[in-house]
Amino acid sequence: MSQLSHYDEQGQARMVDVSGKTETVRTARAHAAVRMNAAVMAALPANPKGNPLETARIAGIMAAKKTSELIPMCHPLPLSHVSIDITLTAAGVEIVAEARTTANTGVEMEALTAAAVAALTVYDMTKALDKGIEIQDVYLLNKTGGKGGDYQRMKA
């Protein structure tokens, strides 16, 4: 296992210096799930707060743009694209967030933040119906670009 780069030789937290890295096109996709009962699913279209899925999409995009303000060691990135795909399933809502940039560091944290905040937004807009709604399975699906190369999550 390689050394964690967010710590210096004395064990102190640091922001990694990426100034010597090459700018490349980088993409990342992340997943999150919101598990809810059938009654909450049926009530999604009639939510008095508005459409929870569209609000979640907007929240996810906004969150990706704010990632460096939320995660202390993340670099601010010029995002060229963020998308949030939301699918209804028998168990609830599946969210896939994608982020893209041309930069000298990756966009995994932006994609993960987008997916997580979109899921939190679905919860926020439906919690009045059931406090037992669960946010699950937040993980990186894949990434491309950069020195570390490509990554593809193996199917479970």
N, C-alpha and C. Protein backbone atom coordinates (compact mmCIF):
# COMPACT_ATOMS: atom_id res chain seq x y z
N MET A 1 0.84 -1.18 0.00
CA MET A 1 0.00 0.00 0.00
C MET A 1 0.89 1.24 0.00
N SER A 2 0.58 2.18 -0.87
CA SER A 2 1.40 3.38 -0.94
C SER A 2 1.12 4.31 0.24
N GLN A 3 2.07 5.18 0.49
CA GLN A 3 1.95 6.12 1.61
C GLN A 3 0.82 7.12 1.34
N LEU A 4 0.09 7.48 2.38
CA LEU A 4 -0.96 8.48 2.24
C LEU A 4 -0.31 9.84 2.00
N SER A 5 -0.70 10.50 0.95
CA SER A 5 -0.03 11.74 0.55
C SER A 5 -0.53 12.98 1.27
N HIS A 6 -1.57 12.88 2.07
CA HIS A 6 -2.08 14.05 2.77
C HIS A 6 -1.41 14.27 4.13
N TYR A 7 -0.30 13.56 4.37
CA TYR A 7 0.45 13.72 5.61
C TYR A 7 1.92 13.91 5.28
N ASP A 8 2.57 14.81 5.98
CA ASP A 8 4.01 15.01 5.78
C ASP A 8 4.80 14.02 6.63
N GLU A 9 6.12 14.14 6.61
CA GLU A 9 6.99 13.21 7.33
C GLU A 9 6.75 13.22 8.84
N GLN A 10 6.24 14.33 9.38
CA GLN A 10 5.95 14.43 10.81
C GLN A 10 4.53 13.99 11.16
N GLY A 11 3.78 13.55 10.16
CA GLY A 11 2.42 13.10 10.41
C GLY A 11 1.38 14.22 10.44
N GLN A 12 1.78 15.39 10.00
CA GLN A 12 0.84 16.52 9.99
C GLN A 12 0.08 16.56 8.67
N ALA A 13 -1.19 16.94 8.77
CA ALA A 13 -2.02 17.04 7.57
C ALA A 13 -1.49 18.14 6.67
N ARG A 14 -1.57 17.88 5.36
CA ARG A 14 -1.11 18.87 4.38
C ARG A 14 -1.92 18.73 3.10
N MET A 15 -1.94 19.80 2.36
CA MET A 15 -2.53 19.75 1.03
C MET A 15 -1.42 19.31 0.07
N VAL A 16 -1.70 18.32 -0.74
CA VAL A 16 -0.69 17.79 -1.66
C VAL A 16 -0.36 18.84 -2.72
N ASP A 17 0.93 19.00 -3.01
CA ASP A 17 1.37 19.92 -4.06
C ASP A 17 1.22 19.22 -5.41
N VAL A 18 0.27 19.66 -6.22
CA VAL A 18 0.04 19.04 -7.52
C VAL A 18 0.58 19.90 -8.66
N SER A 19 1.34 20.93 -8.33
CA SER A 19 1.82 21.86 -9.36
C SER A 19 2.71 21.20 -10.40
N GLY A 20 3.38 20.12 -10.06
CA GLY A 20 4.25 19.44 -11.02
C GLY A 20 3.54 18.39 -11.85
N LYS A 21 2.27 18.14 -11.57
CA LYS A 21 1.53 17.12 -12.30
C LYS A 21 0.99 17.69 -13.61
N THR A 22 0.86 16.83 -14.60
CA THR A 22 0.37 17.23 -15.91
C THR A 22 -1.15 17.37 -15.90
N GLU A 23 -1.62 18.43 -16.55
CA GLU A 23 -3.06 18.58 -16.71
C GLU A 23 -3.54 17.59 -17.75
N THR A 24 -4.53 16.80 -17.38
CA THR A 24 -5.17 15.86 -18.30
C THR A 24 -6.67 15.91 -18.08
N VAL A 25 -7.40 15.38 -19.04
CA VAL A 25 -8.84 15.25 -18.87
C VAL A 25 -9.07 14.15 -17.85
N ARG A 26 -9.86 14.44 -16.84
CA ARG A 26 -10.13 13.50 -15.76
C ARG A 26 -11.63 13.41 -15.55
N THR A 27 -12.10 12.21 -15.35
CA THR A 27 -13.52 11.99 -15.08
C THR A 27 -13.66 11.06 -13.88
N ALA A 28 -14.78 11.14 -13.23
CA ALA A 28 -15.10 10.22 -12.14
C ALA A 28 -16.61 10.06 -12.07
N ARG A 29 -17.04 8.86 -11.73
CA ARG A 29 -18.45 8.57 -11.51
C ARG A 29 -18.60 7.93 -10.14
N ALA A 30 -19.63 8.35 -9.41
CA ALA A 30 -19.88 7.83 -8.07
C ALA A 30 -21.35 7.46 -7.93
N HIS A 31 -21.61 6.59 -6.98
CA HIS A 31 -22.95 6.04 -6.75
C HIS A 31 -23.40 6.32 -5.32
N ALA A 32 -24.69 6.49 -5.16
CA ALA A 32 -25.33 6.53 -3.84
C ALA A 32 -26.74 5.96 -4.00
N ALA A 33 -27.24 5.37 -2.94
CA ALA A 33 -28.61 4.81 -2.95
C ALA A 33 -29.40 5.37 -1.78
N VAL A 34 -30.67 5.61 -2.02
CA VAL A 34 -31.59 6.03 -0.96
C VAL A 34 -32.67 4.96 -0.89
N ARG A 35 -32.68 4.22 0.20
CA ARG A 35 -33.64 3.14 0.37
C ARG A 35 -34.86 3.67 1.13
N MET A 36 -36.03 3.42 0.55
CA MET A 36 -37.28 3.92 1.15
C MET A 36 -38.40 2.93 0.89
N ASN A 37 -39.45 3.02 1.70
CA ASN A 37 -40.57 2.10 1.54
C ASN A 37 -41.46 2.53 0.38
N ALA A 38 -42.37 1.65 0.01
CA ALA A 38 -43.24 1.87 -1.15
C ALA A 38 -44.13 3.10 -0.99
N ALA A 39 -44.56 3.39 0.23
CA ALA A 39 -45.42 4.56 0.45
C ALA A 39 -44.67 5.86 0.16
N VAL A 40 -43.42 5.92 0.57
CA VAL A 40 -42.61 7.12 0.28
C VAL A 40 -42.37 7.22 -1.23
N MET A 41 -42.06 6.10 -1.85
CA MET A 41 -41.86 6.10 -3.31
C MET A 41 -43.10 6.62 -4.03
N ALA A 42 -44.27 6.16 -3.61
CA ALA A 42 -45.52 6.57 -4.25
C ALA A 42 -45.80 8.06 -4.06
N ALA A 43 -45.30 8.62 -2.96
CA ALA A 43 -45.56 10.02 -2.65
C ALA A 43 -44.58 10.98 -3.32
N LEU A 44 -43.53 10.48 -3.95
CA LEU A 44 -42.52 11.36 -4.56
C LEU A 44 -43.11 12.40 -5.51
N PRO A 45 -44.01 12.02 -6.43
CA PRO A 45 -44.53 13.02 -7.38
C PRO A 45 -45.38 14.12 -6.73
N ALA A 46 -45.95 13.85 -5.57
CA ALA A 46 -46.86 14.81 -4.92
C ALA A 46 -46.21 15.55 -3.76
N ASN A 47 -44.91 15.59 -3.69
CA ASN A 47 -44.22 16.20 -2.55
C ASN A 47 -44.53 17.70 -2.51
N PRO A 48 -45.05 18.20 -1.38
CA PRO A 48 -45.39 19.63 -1.29
C PRO A 48 -44.17 20.55 -1.35
N LYS A 49 -42.99 20.01 -1.11
CA LYS A 49 -41.77 20.83 -1.19
C LYS A 49 -41.28 20.98 -2.63
N GLY A 50 -41.89 20.25 -3.57
CA GLY A 50 -41.43 20.25 -4.96
C GLY A 50 -40.94 18.87 -5.33
N ASN A 51 -40.38 18.75 -6.52
CA ASN A 51 -39.90 17.48 -7.02
C ASN A 51 -38.58 17.12 -6.33
N PRO A 52 -38.58 16.12 -5.45
CA PRO A 52 -37.36 15.78 -4.72
C PRO A 52 -36.21 15.35 -5.62
N LEU A 53 -36.52 14.70 -6.73
CA LEU A 53 -35.46 14.19 -7.60
C LEU A 53 -34.79 15.32 -8.39
N GLU A 54 -35.56 16.27 -8.85
CA GLU A 54 -34.95 17.42 -9.54
C GLU A 54 -34.19 18.31 -8.56
N THR A 55 -34.73 18.47 -7.37
CA THR A 55 -34.02 19.25 -6.35
C THR A 55 -32.70 18.56 -5.99
N ALA A 56 -32.73 17.23 -5.89
CA ALA A 56 -31.52 16.47 -5.59
C ALA A 56 -30.49 16.62 -6.71
N ARG A 57 -30.95 16.62 -7.94
CA ARG A 57 -30.03 16.80 -9.08
C ARG A 57 -29.32 18.15 -8.99
N ILE A 58 -30.07 19.18 -8.72
CA ILE A 58 -29.47 20.53 -8.60
C ILE A 58 -28.53 20.59 -7.40
N ALA A 59 -28.93 20.01 -6.27
CA ALA A 59 -28.09 20.01 -5.07
C ALA A 59 -26.78 19.27 -5.33
N GLY A 60 -26.84 18.15 -6.03
CA GLY A 60 -25.62 17.40 -6.34
C GLY A 60 -24.66 18.20 -7.21
N ILE A 61 -25.18 18.88 -8.20
CA ILE A 61 -24.34 19.71 -9.07
C ILE A 61 -23.71 20.83 -8.25
N MET A 62 -24.50 21.49 -7.44
CA MET A 62 -23.97 22.58 -6.60
C MET A 62 -22.92 22.05 -5.63
N ALA A 63 -23.14 20.88 -5.07
CA ALA A 63 -22.18 20.30 -4.11
C ALA A 63 -20.85 20.00 -4.78
N ALA A 64 -20.89 19.45 -5.99
CA ALA A 64 -19.64 19.16 -6.70
C ALA A 64 -18.80 20.42 -6.85
N LYS A 65 -19.46 21.53 -7.14
CA LYS A 65 -18.76 22.81 -7.31
C LYS A 65 -18.19 23.35 -6.02
N LYS A 66 -18.69 22.89 -4.88
CA LYS A 66 -18.25 23.37 -3.56
C LYS A 66 -17.37 22.37 -2.82
N THR A 67 -16.95 21.30 -3.45
CA THR A 67 -16.24 20.22 -2.76
C THR A 67 -15.02 20.71 -2.00
N SER A 68 -14.23 21.58 -2.60
CA SER A 68 -13.01 22.04 -1.93
C SER A 68 -13.31 22.88 -0.69
N GLU A 69 -14.54 23.39 -0.58
CA GLU A 69 -14.93 24.13 0.62
C GLU A 69 -15.42 23.19 1.72
N LEU A 70 -15.74 21.95 1.36
CA LEU A 70 -16.27 20.98 2.32
C LEU A 70 -15.22 19.98 2.80
N ILE A 71 -14.33 19.57 1.91
CA ILE A 71 -13.31 18.57 2.21
C ILE A 71 -11.97 19.32 2.31
N PRO A 72 -11.38 19.38 3.50
CA PRO A 72 -10.26 20.28 3.75
C PRO A 72 -9.08 20.20 2.79
N MET A 73 -8.68 19.03 2.34
CA MET A 73 -7.47 18.93 1.53
C MET A 73 -7.75 18.85 0.03
N CYS A 74 -8.99 19.02 -0.38
CA CYS A 74 -9.31 19.00 -1.81
C CYS A 74 -8.91 20.31 -2.48
N HIS A 75 -8.40 20.19 -3.68
CA HIS A 75 -8.05 21.36 -4.46
C HIS A 75 -9.30 21.89 -5.17
N PRO A 76 -9.44 23.20 -5.27
CA PRO A 76 -10.55 23.74 -6.08
C PRO A 76 -10.28 23.40 -7.56
N LEU A 77 -11.29 22.89 -8.23
CA LEU A 77 -11.12 22.46 -9.61
C LEU A 77 -12.06 23.21 -10.55
N PRO A 78 -11.58 23.47 -11.76
CA PRO A 78 -12.47 24.06 -12.77
C PRO A 78 -13.28 22.95 -13.44
N LEU A 79 -14.43 22.66 -12.89
CA LEU A 79 -15.25 21.57 -13.43
C LEU A 79 -15.79 21.97 -14.79
N SER A 80 -15.65 21.07 -15.75
CA SER A 80 -16.19 21.33 -17.08
C SER A 80 -17.55 20.65 -17.27
N HIS A 81 -17.88 19.70 -16.38
CA HIS A 81 -19.16 19.01 -16.50
C HIS A 81 -19.49 18.30 -15.19
N VAL A 82 -20.74 18.37 -14.79
CA VAL A 82 -21.26 17.58 -13.69
C VAL A 82 -22.66 17.13 -14.09
N SER A 83 -22.93 15.84 -13.94
CA SER A 83 -24.29 15.35 -14.20
C SER A 83 -24.70 14.42 -13.07
N ILE A 84 -25.99 14.40 -12.83
CA ILE A 84 -26.58 13.55 -11.80
C ILE A 84 -27.70 12.75 -12.46
N ASP A 85 -27.54 11.45 -12.54
CA ASP A 85 -28.58 10.57 -13.08
C ASP A 85 -29.28 9.91 -11.90
N ILE A 86 -30.60 10.00 -11.89
CA ILE A 86 -31.40 9.46 -10.80
C ILE A 86 -32.39 8.46 -11.38
N THR A 87 -32.38 7.26 -10.81
CA THR A 87 -33.25 6.19 -11.29
C THR A 87 -34.08 5.66 -10.13
N LEU A 88 -35.37 5.50 -10.37
CA LEU A 88 -36.24 4.86 -9.37
C LEU A 88 -36.12 3.35 -9.52
N THR A 89 -35.98 2.68 -8.40
CA THR A 89 -35.92 1.21 -8.38
C THR A 89 -36.97 0.70 -7.39
N ALA A 90 -37.09 -0.60 -7.30
CA ALA A 90 -38.05 -1.18 -6.36
C ALA A 90 -37.68 -0.84 -4.92
N ALA A 91 -36.39 -0.62 -4.65
CA ALA A 91 -35.92 -0.35 -3.28
C ALA A 91 -35.82 1.13 -2.95
N GLY A 92 -35.94 1.98 -3.95
CA GLY A 92 -35.80 3.42 -3.69
C GLY A 92 -35.22 4.16 -4.87
N VAL A 93 -34.17 4.93 -4.60
CA VAL A 93 -33.58 5.81 -5.61
C VAL A 93 -32.09 5.48 -5.75
N GLU A 94 -31.64 5.31 -6.98
CA GLU A 94 -30.22 5.12 -7.27
C GLU A 94 -29.70 6.40 -7.92
N ILE A 95 -28.56 6.86 -7.45
CA ILE A 95 -27.97 8.11 -7.94
C ILE A 95 -26.59 7.81 -8.49
N VAL A 96 -26.31 8.31 -9.69
CA VAL A 96 -24.97 8.24 -10.26
C VAL A 96 -24.57 9.66 -10.64
N ALA A 97 -23.48 10.11 -10.04
CA ALA A 97 -22.95 11.44 -10.32
C ALA A 97 -21.68 11.32 -11.14
N GLU A 98 -21.54 12.19 -12.11
CA GLU A 98 -20.32 12.21 -12.93
C GLU A 98 -19.75 13.62 -12.91
N ALA A 99 -18.43 13.70 -12.77
CA ALA A 99 -17.72 14.98 -12.81
C ALA A 99 -16.58 14.88 -13.80
N ARG A 100 -16.29 15.99 -14.47
CA ARG A 100 -15.22 16.03 -15.47
C ARG A 100 -14.47 17.35 -15.37
N THR A 101 -13.17 17.27 -15.58
CA THR A 101 -12.32 18.46 -15.59
C THR A 101 -11.09 18.20 -16.45
N THR A 102 -10.41 19.25 -16.80
CA THR A 102 -9.05 19.16 -17.31
C THR A 102 -8.20 19.86 -16.27
N ALA A 103 -7.44 19.06 -15.52
CA ALA A 103 -6.69 19.62 -14.40
C ALA A 103 -5.52 18.70 -14.06
N ASN A 104 -4.79 19.08 -13.02
CA ASN A 104 -3.64 18.29 -12.59
C ASN A 104 -3.94 17.44 -11.36
N THR A 105 -5.21 17.28 -11.04
CA THR A 105 -5.65 16.36 -9.99
C THR A 105 -7.05 15.87 -10.33
N GLY A 106 -7.43 14.76 -9.74
CA GLY A 106 -8.67 14.08 -10.12
C GLY A 106 -9.94 14.66 -9.53
N VAL A 107 -11.06 14.15 -10.01
CA VAL A 107 -12.38 14.64 -9.61
C VAL A 107 -13.20 13.60 -8.85
N GLU A 108 -12.52 12.62 -8.25
CA GLU A 108 -13.25 11.61 -7.50
C GLU A 108 -14.06 12.21 -6.36
N MET A 109 -13.46 13.12 -5.62
CA MET A 109 -14.16 13.69 -4.46
C MET A 109 -15.36 14.53 -4.90
N GLU A 110 -15.26 15.18 -6.05
CA GLU A 110 -16.39 15.96 -6.55
C GLU A 110 -17.55 15.04 -6.92
N ALA A 111 -17.26 13.92 -7.57
CA ALA A 111 -18.32 12.97 -7.92
C ALA A 111 -18.94 12.35 -6.67
N LEU A 112 -18.10 11.96 -5.72
CA LEU A 112 -18.61 11.38 -4.47
C LEU A 112 -19.44 12.38 -3.67
N THR A 113 -18.99 13.62 -3.61
CA THR A 113 -19.73 14.66 -2.89
C THR A 113 -21.07 14.91 -3.57
N ALA A 114 -21.07 14.96 -4.89
CA ALA A 114 -22.31 15.18 -5.63
C ALA A 114 -23.32 14.07 -5.35
N ALA A 115 -22.86 12.81 -5.39
CA ALA A 115 -23.77 11.69 -5.15
C ALA A 115 -24.31 11.71 -3.72
N ALA A 116 -23.42 11.97 -2.76
CA ALA A 116 -23.84 11.97 -1.35
C ALA A 116 -24.82 13.10 -1.05
N VAL A 117 -24.56 14.29 -1.56
CA VAL A 117 -25.46 15.42 -1.29
C VAL A 117 -26.78 15.24 -2.02
N ALA A 118 -26.77 14.68 -3.21
CA ALA A 118 -28.04 14.39 -3.89
C ALA A 118 -28.86 13.42 -3.04
N ALA A 119 -28.22 12.40 -2.49
CA ALA A 119 -28.92 11.44 -1.63
C ALA A 119 -29.45 12.12 -0.37
N LEU A 120 -28.64 12.96 0.25
CA LEU A 120 -29.09 13.70 1.44
C LEU A 120 -30.29 14.59 1.12
N THR A 121 -30.32 15.14 -0.07
CA THR A 121 -31.42 16.02 -0.47
C THR A 121 -32.71 15.21 -0.63
N VAL A 122 -32.62 14.02 -1.21
CA VAL A 122 -33.80 13.17 -1.30
C VAL A 122 -34.32 12.88 0.11
N TYR A 123 -33.40 12.54 1.02
CA TYR A 123 -33.80 12.29 2.41
C TYR A 123 -34.48 13.53 3.00
N ASP A 124 -33.87 14.68 2.84
CA ASP A 124 -34.42 15.91 3.41
C ASP A 124 -35.83 16.18 2.92
N MET A 125 -36.07 15.92 1.66
CA MET A 125 -37.37 16.24 1.09
C MET A 125 -38.43 15.17 1.34
N THR A 126 -38.04 14.03 1.92
CA THR A 126 -39.01 12.96 2.16
C THR A 126 -39.05 12.51 3.62
N LYS A 127 -38.21 13.06 4.46
CA LYS A 127 -38.10 12.60 5.85
C LYS A 127 -39.39 12.78 6.65
N ALA A 128 -40.25 13.70 6.25
CA ALA A 128 -41.52 13.88 6.96
C ALA A 128 -42.41 12.64 6.83
N LEU A 129 -42.20 11.86 5.78
CA LEU A 129 -43.00 10.65 5.55
C LEU A 129 -42.44 9.44 6.28
N ASP A 130 -41.12 9.42 6.49
CA ASP A 130 -40.50 8.26 7.13
C ASP A 130 -39.07 8.62 7.54
N LYS A 131 -38.82 8.63 8.82
CA LYS A 131 -37.47 8.93 9.33
C LYS A 131 -36.52 7.75 9.12
N GLY A 132 -37.05 6.58 8.74
CA GLY A 132 -36.23 5.39 8.57
C GLY A 132 -35.62 5.24 7.19
N ILE A 133 -35.77 6.24 6.34
CA ILE A 133 -35.14 6.19 5.02
C ILE A 133 -33.63 6.07 5.23
N GLU A 134 -32.98 5.26 4.41
CA GLU A 134 -31.54 5.03 4.56
C GLU A 134 -30.77 5.49 3.33
N ILE A 135 -29.63 6.11 3.59
CA ILE A 135 -28.66 6.41 2.53
C ILE A 135 -27.60 5.33 2.61
N GLN A 136 -27.36 4.67 1.49
CA GLN A 136 -26.44 3.53 1.47
C GLN A 136 -25.55 3.59 0.23
N ASP A 137 -24.52 2.76 0.30
CA ASP A 137 -23.73 2.43 -0.89
C ASP A 137 -23.17 3.65 -1.62
N VAL A 138 -22.51 4.53 -0.89
CA VAL A 138 -21.82 5.65 -1.52
C VAL A 138 -20.42 5.16 -1.86
N TYR A 139 -20.11 5.11 -3.16
CA TYR A 139 -18.80 4.62 -3.59
C TYR A 139 -18.44 5.12 -4.97
N LEU A 140 -17.14 5.05 -5.27
CA LEU A 140 -16.63 5.41 -6.58
C LEU A 140 -16.89 4.27 -7.55
N LEU A 141 -17.49 4.59 -8.68
CA LEU A 141 -17.73 3.59 -9.73
C LEU A 141 -16.51 3.45 -10.64
N ASN A 142 -16.02 4.60 -11.10
CA ASN A 142 -14.84 4.57 -11.96
C ASN A 142 -14.21 5.96 -12.04
N LYS A 143 -12.99 5.99 -12.53
CA LYS A 143 -12.30 7.24 -12.78
C LYS A 143 -11.36 7.04 -13.96
N THR A 144 -11.10 8.13 -14.67
CA THR A 144 -10.14 8.09 -15.78
C THR A 144 -9.20 9.28 -15.66
N GLY A 145 -8.04 9.11 -16.28
CA GLY A 145 -7.06 10.19 -16.35
C GLY A 145 -6.12 10.21 -15.16
N GLY A 146 -5.03 10.92 -15.36
CA GLY A 146 -4.07 11.13 -14.27
C GLY A 146 -3.00 10.07 -14.18
N LYS A 147 -2.03 10.34 -13.33
CA LYS A 147 -0.88 9.48 -13.12
C LYS A 147 -1.27 8.09 -12.62
N GLY A 148 -2.30 8.04 -11.76
CA GLY A 148 -2.74 6.76 -11.20
C GLY A 148 -3.47 5.87 -12.19
N GLY A 149 -3.80 6.41 -13.34
CA GLY A 149 -4.49 5.62 -14.36
C GLY A 149 -5.96 5.47 -14.09
N ASP A 150 -6.56 4.60 -14.86
CA ASP A 150 -8.00 4.39 -14.78
C ASP A 150 -8.34 3.41 -13.67
N TYR A 151 -9.57 3.54 -13.16
CA TYR A 151 -10.08 2.64 -12.13
C TYR A 151 -11.50 2.28 -12.51
N GLN A 152 -11.83 1.02 -12.36
CA GLN A 152 -13.20 0.53 -12.57
C GLN A 152 -13.56 -0.35 -11.39
N ARG A 153 -14.61 0.00 -10.67
CA ARG A 153 -15.06 -0.81 -9.54
C ARG A 153 -15.51 -2.18 -10.04
N MET A 154 -15.09 -3.18 -9.33
CA MET A 154 -15.50 -4.55 -9.68
C MET A 154 -16.95 -4.75 -9.21
N LYS A 155 -17.71 -5.49 -9.96
CA LYS A 155 -19.09 -5.81 -9.57
C LYS A 155 -19.07 -6.67 -8.31
N ALA A 156 -19.97 -6.36 -7.39
CA ALA A 156 -20.04 -7.12 -6.13
C ALA A 156 -20.75 -8.44 -6.31
